[in-house]
N, C-alpha and C. Protein backbone atom coordinates (compact mmCIF):
# COMPACT_ATOMS: atom_id res chain seq x y z
N MET A 1 201.18 65.29 -84.17
CA MET A 1 200.52 64.89 -85.52
C MET A 1 199.06 64.21 -85.24
N PHE A 2 199.12 63.29 -84.14
CA PHE A 2 197.91 62.70 -83.97
C PHE A 2 196.81 63.66 -83.48
N GLU A 3 197.12 64.78 -82.67
CA GLU A 3 196.29 65.78 -82.36
C GLU A 3 195.62 66.36 -83.45
N THR A 4 196.35 66.67 -84.51
CA THR A 4 195.83 67.32 -85.87
C THR A 4 194.92 66.42 -86.47
N HIS A 5 195.30 65.22 -86.59
CA HIS A 5 194.45 64.27 -87.29
C HIS A 5 193.11 64.09 -86.56
N ALA A 6 193.12 64.02 -85.15
CA ALA A 6 191.97 63.72 -84.37
C ALA A 6 191.09 65.28 -84.48
N ALA A 7 191.68 66.36 -84.48
CA ALA A 7 190.89 67.56 -84.59
C ALA A 7 190.39 67.72 -85.98
N ALA A 8 191.04 67.26 -87.12
CA ALA A 8 190.46 67.24 -88.52
C ALA A 8 189.30 66.36 -88.66
N LEU A 9 189.13 65.32 -87.77
CA LEU A 9 188.02 64.47 -87.82
C LEU A 9 186.81 64.89 -87.16
N LEU A 10 187.10 66.03 -86.22
CA LEU A 10 185.84 66.74 -85.62
C LEU A 10 185.10 67.49 -86.55
N VAL A 11 185.71 68.04 -87.53
CA VAL A 11 184.92 69.12 -88.40
C VAL A 11 183.80 68.17 -89.08
N PRO A 12 184.07 67.27 -89.77
CA PRO A 12 183.17 66.42 -90.51
C PRO A 12 182.04 65.93 -89.41
N ALA A 13 182.47 65.47 -88.37
CA ALA A 13 181.55 64.96 -87.22
C ALA A 13 180.62 66.06 -86.92
N GLN A 14 181.07 67.33 -86.77
CA GLN A 14 180.22 68.46 -86.42
C GLN A 14 179.20 68.77 -87.54
N ILE A 15 179.73 68.51 -88.85
CA ILE A 15 178.88 68.84 -90.01
C ILE A 15 177.60 67.72 -89.97
N GLY A 16 178.07 66.52 -89.71
CA GLY A 16 177.21 65.33 -89.58
C GLY A 16 176.11 65.63 -88.51
N SER A 17 176.55 66.32 -87.51
CA SER A 17 175.61 66.62 -86.30
C SER A 17 174.39 67.47 -86.77
N VAL A 18 174.56 68.30 -87.91
CA VAL A 18 173.46 69.16 -88.13
C VAL A 18 172.63 68.57 -89.38
N ILE A 19 172.86 67.43 -89.76
CA ILE A 19 172.12 66.74 -90.84
C ILE A 19 170.90 66.39 -90.37
N ARG A 20 169.67 66.64 -91.09
CA ARG A 20 168.40 66.35 -90.69
C ARG A 20 167.73 65.31 -91.62
N ASN A 21 168.29 64.91 -92.84
CA ASN A 21 167.71 64.03 -93.61
C ASN A 21 167.92 62.55 -93.06
N PRO A 22 166.87 61.79 -92.84
CA PRO A 22 166.94 60.51 -92.21
C PRO A 22 167.94 59.54 -93.06
N GLU A 23 167.83 59.53 -94.30
CA GLU A 23 168.62 58.66 -95.25
C GLU A 23 170.16 58.98 -95.09
N ILE A 24 170.40 60.34 -95.12
CA ILE A 24 171.86 60.75 -94.99
C ILE A 24 172.30 60.57 -93.64
N MET A 25 171.52 60.68 -92.60
CA MET A 25 171.94 60.41 -91.19
C MET A 25 172.40 58.89 -91.08
N ASP A 26 171.75 58.01 -91.82
CA ASP A 26 172.11 56.64 -91.74
C ASP A 26 173.52 56.38 -92.39
N LEU A 27 173.93 57.29 -93.39
CA LEU A 27 175.19 57.29 -94.10
C LEU A 27 176.30 57.90 -93.32
N VAL A 28 176.09 58.68 -92.42
CA VAL A 28 177.14 59.59 -91.77
C VAL A 28 178.31 58.69 -91.27
N PRO A 29 178.10 57.63 -90.64
CA PRO A 29 179.16 56.76 -90.14
C PRO A 29 180.05 56.27 -91.44
N HIS A 30 179.38 55.81 -92.40
CA HIS A 30 180.09 55.44 -93.71
C HIS A 30 180.76 56.69 -94.23
N LEU A 31 180.31 57.74 -94.31
CA LEU A 31 180.95 59.05 -94.96
C LEU A 31 182.10 59.44 -94.07
N LEU A 32 181.94 59.47 -92.74
CA LEU A 32 183.02 59.82 -91.81
C LEU A 32 184.23 58.76 -91.96
N ALA A 33 183.87 57.44 -92.02
CA ALA A 33 184.92 56.49 -92.31
C ALA A 33 185.62 56.76 -93.48
N ALA A 34 185.07 57.13 -94.49
CA ALA A 34 185.72 57.47 -95.85
C ALA A 34 186.57 58.73 -95.73
N ILE A 35 186.24 59.59 -94.88
CA ILE A 35 187.14 60.78 -94.70
C ILE A 35 188.39 60.42 -93.79
N ALA A 36 188.20 59.51 -92.83
CA ALA A 36 189.22 59.16 -92.00
C ALA A 36 190.24 58.13 -92.59
N ASP A 37 189.68 57.30 -93.60
CA ASP A 37 190.41 56.45 -94.21
C ASP A 37 190.06 56.28 -95.65
N PRO A 38 190.46 57.23 -96.44
CA PRO A 38 189.99 57.29 -97.92
C PRO A 38 190.38 56.16 -98.82
N ASN A 39 191.53 55.52 -98.48
CA ASN A 39 192.02 54.45 -99.35
C ASN A 39 191.25 53.23 -99.26
N ASN A 40 190.58 52.93 -98.04
CA ASN A 40 189.88 51.82 -97.77
C ASN A 40 188.48 52.04 -97.61
N ALA A 41 187.92 53.05 -97.29
CA ALA A 41 186.47 53.28 -96.87
C ALA A 41 185.74 54.05 -97.98
N THR A 42 186.28 54.69 -98.98
CA THR A 42 185.62 55.48 -99.81
C THR A 42 184.74 54.59 -100.72
N LYS A 43 185.27 53.40 -101.30
CA LYS A 43 184.34 52.55 -102.16
C LYS A 43 183.21 52.01 -101.43
N PRO A 44 183.45 51.65 -100.16
CA PRO A 44 182.33 50.99 -99.49
C PRO A 44 181.16 52.15 -99.16
N ALA A 45 181.73 53.28 -98.87
CA ALA A 45 180.80 54.36 -98.61
C ALA A 45 180.03 54.82 -99.72
N LEU A 46 180.66 54.95 -101.06
CA LEU A 46 179.91 55.11 -102.33
C LEU A 46 179.00 54.07 -102.60
N GLU A 47 179.21 52.77 -102.21
CA GLU A 47 178.30 51.66 -102.52
C GLU A 47 177.12 51.82 -101.65
N VAL A 48 177.25 52.13 -100.49
CA VAL A 48 176.09 52.40 -99.58
C VAL A 48 175.33 53.56 -99.99
N LEU A 49 175.93 54.58 -100.43
CA LEU A 49 175.20 55.81 -101.02
C LEU A 49 174.43 55.41 -102.21
N LEU A 50 175.06 54.69 -103.11
CA LEU A 50 174.29 54.31 -104.39
C LEU A 50 173.16 53.38 -104.10
N GLN A 51 173.04 52.76 -103.09
CA GLN A 51 171.92 51.79 -102.65
C GLN A 51 170.84 52.45 -101.96
N THR A 52 171.08 53.71 -101.58
CA THR A 52 170.14 54.55 -100.63
C THR A 52 168.99 54.97 -101.55
N VAL A 53 167.88 54.81 -101.03
CA VAL A 53 166.62 55.33 -101.68
C VAL A 53 166.23 56.52 -100.88
N PHE A 54 166.19 57.77 -101.62
CA PHE A 54 165.68 58.81 -100.93
C PHE A 54 164.19 59.15 -100.96
N VAL A 55 163.64 59.38 -100.01
CA VAL A 55 162.12 59.60 -99.89
C VAL A 55 161.75 60.92 -99.18
N ASN A 56 162.89 61.47 -98.49
CA ASN A 56 162.76 62.88 -97.88
C ASN A 56 163.49 63.86 -98.48
N THR A 57 163.14 65.14 -98.29
CA THR A 57 163.79 66.23 -98.99
C THR A 57 165.19 66.23 -98.29
N ILE A 58 166.26 66.56 -99.10
CA ILE A 58 167.66 66.65 -98.57
C ILE A 58 167.87 68.05 -98.20
N ASP A 59 168.23 68.28 -97.00
CA ASP A 59 168.60 69.71 -96.52
C ASP A 59 170.04 69.98 -96.99
N ALA A 60 170.51 71.28 -97.03
CA ALA A 60 171.72 71.67 -97.60
C ALA A 60 172.91 71.08 -96.88
N ALA A 61 173.04 70.74 -95.57
CA ALA A 61 173.99 70.15 -94.80
C ALA A 61 174.15 68.77 -95.34
N SER A 62 173.02 67.99 -95.52
CA SER A 62 173.20 66.59 -96.07
C SER A 62 173.62 66.68 -97.43
N LEU A 63 173.36 67.42 -98.25
CA LEU A 63 173.57 67.55 -99.72
C LEU A 63 175.06 67.76 -99.71
N VAL A 64 175.66 68.68 -99.01
CA VAL A 64 177.05 69.09 -98.97
C VAL A 64 177.89 67.86 -98.46
N ARG A 65 177.55 67.18 -97.40
CA ARG A 65 178.26 65.98 -96.90
C ARG A 65 178.40 65.05 -98.07
N SER A 66 177.19 64.69 -98.72
CA SER A 66 177.16 63.65 -99.73
C SER A 66 178.10 64.08 -100.90
N CYS A 67 177.90 65.23 -101.45
CA CYS A 67 178.67 65.66 -102.59
C CYS A 67 180.13 65.75 -102.39
N LEU A 68 180.47 66.19 -101.28
CA LEU A 68 182.03 66.22 -101.04
C LEU A 68 182.56 64.81 -101.15
N GLU A 69 181.90 63.76 -100.61
CA GLU A 69 182.42 62.50 -100.68
C GLU A 69 182.50 61.84 -102.14
N CYS A 70 181.46 62.25 -102.85
CA CYS A 70 181.46 61.98 -104.25
C CYS A 70 182.54 62.62 -105.05
N GLU A 71 182.69 63.92 -104.81
CA GLU A 71 183.69 64.61 -105.48
C GLU A 71 185.08 64.04 -105.12
N ARG A 72 185.33 63.75 -103.89
CA ARG A 72 186.71 63.16 -103.51
C ARG A 72 186.90 61.86 -104.32
N ALA A 73 185.91 61.07 -104.35
CA ALA A 73 185.96 59.84 -104.98
C ALA A 73 186.11 59.94 -106.51
N GLY A 74 185.95 61.12 -107.02
CA GLY A 74 186.11 61.30 -108.50
C GLY A 74 184.75 61.18 -109.26
N VAL A 75 183.67 60.97 -108.67
CA VAL A 75 182.41 60.85 -109.35
C VAL A 75 182.25 62.04 -110.27
N GLY A 76 181.92 61.90 -111.46
CA GLY A 76 181.62 62.89 -112.37
C GLY A 76 182.83 63.27 -113.11
N GLU A 77 183.91 62.73 -112.91
CA GLU A 77 185.16 63.17 -113.72
C GLU A 77 185.18 62.46 -114.93
N ALA A 78 185.61 63.14 -116.03
CA ALA A 78 185.73 62.54 -117.36
C ALA A 78 186.71 61.29 -117.26
N ILE A 79 186.34 60.28 -118.02
CA ILE A 79 187.16 59.13 -118.14
C ILE A 79 188.01 59.29 -119.38
N THR A 80 189.41 59.19 -119.17
CA THR A 80 190.20 59.32 -120.30
C THR A 80 190.90 58.07 -120.71
């Protein structure tokens, strides 16, 4: 089971390795932490993301990485 978990964490890290946007590159450790420990690290990752000022063009890999974490956190879901 530990091998599966370790292997699963490699995929997001590999995605993070192709990110070229400087602002998102700074967020990668926070985003990876949120993937590894969603119950404890998602909120801090979103807080860092919300405080980020983007001044560079966001490439596709950067956008995907950010959007996936926002989706996981329920950003954009209707409040009932």
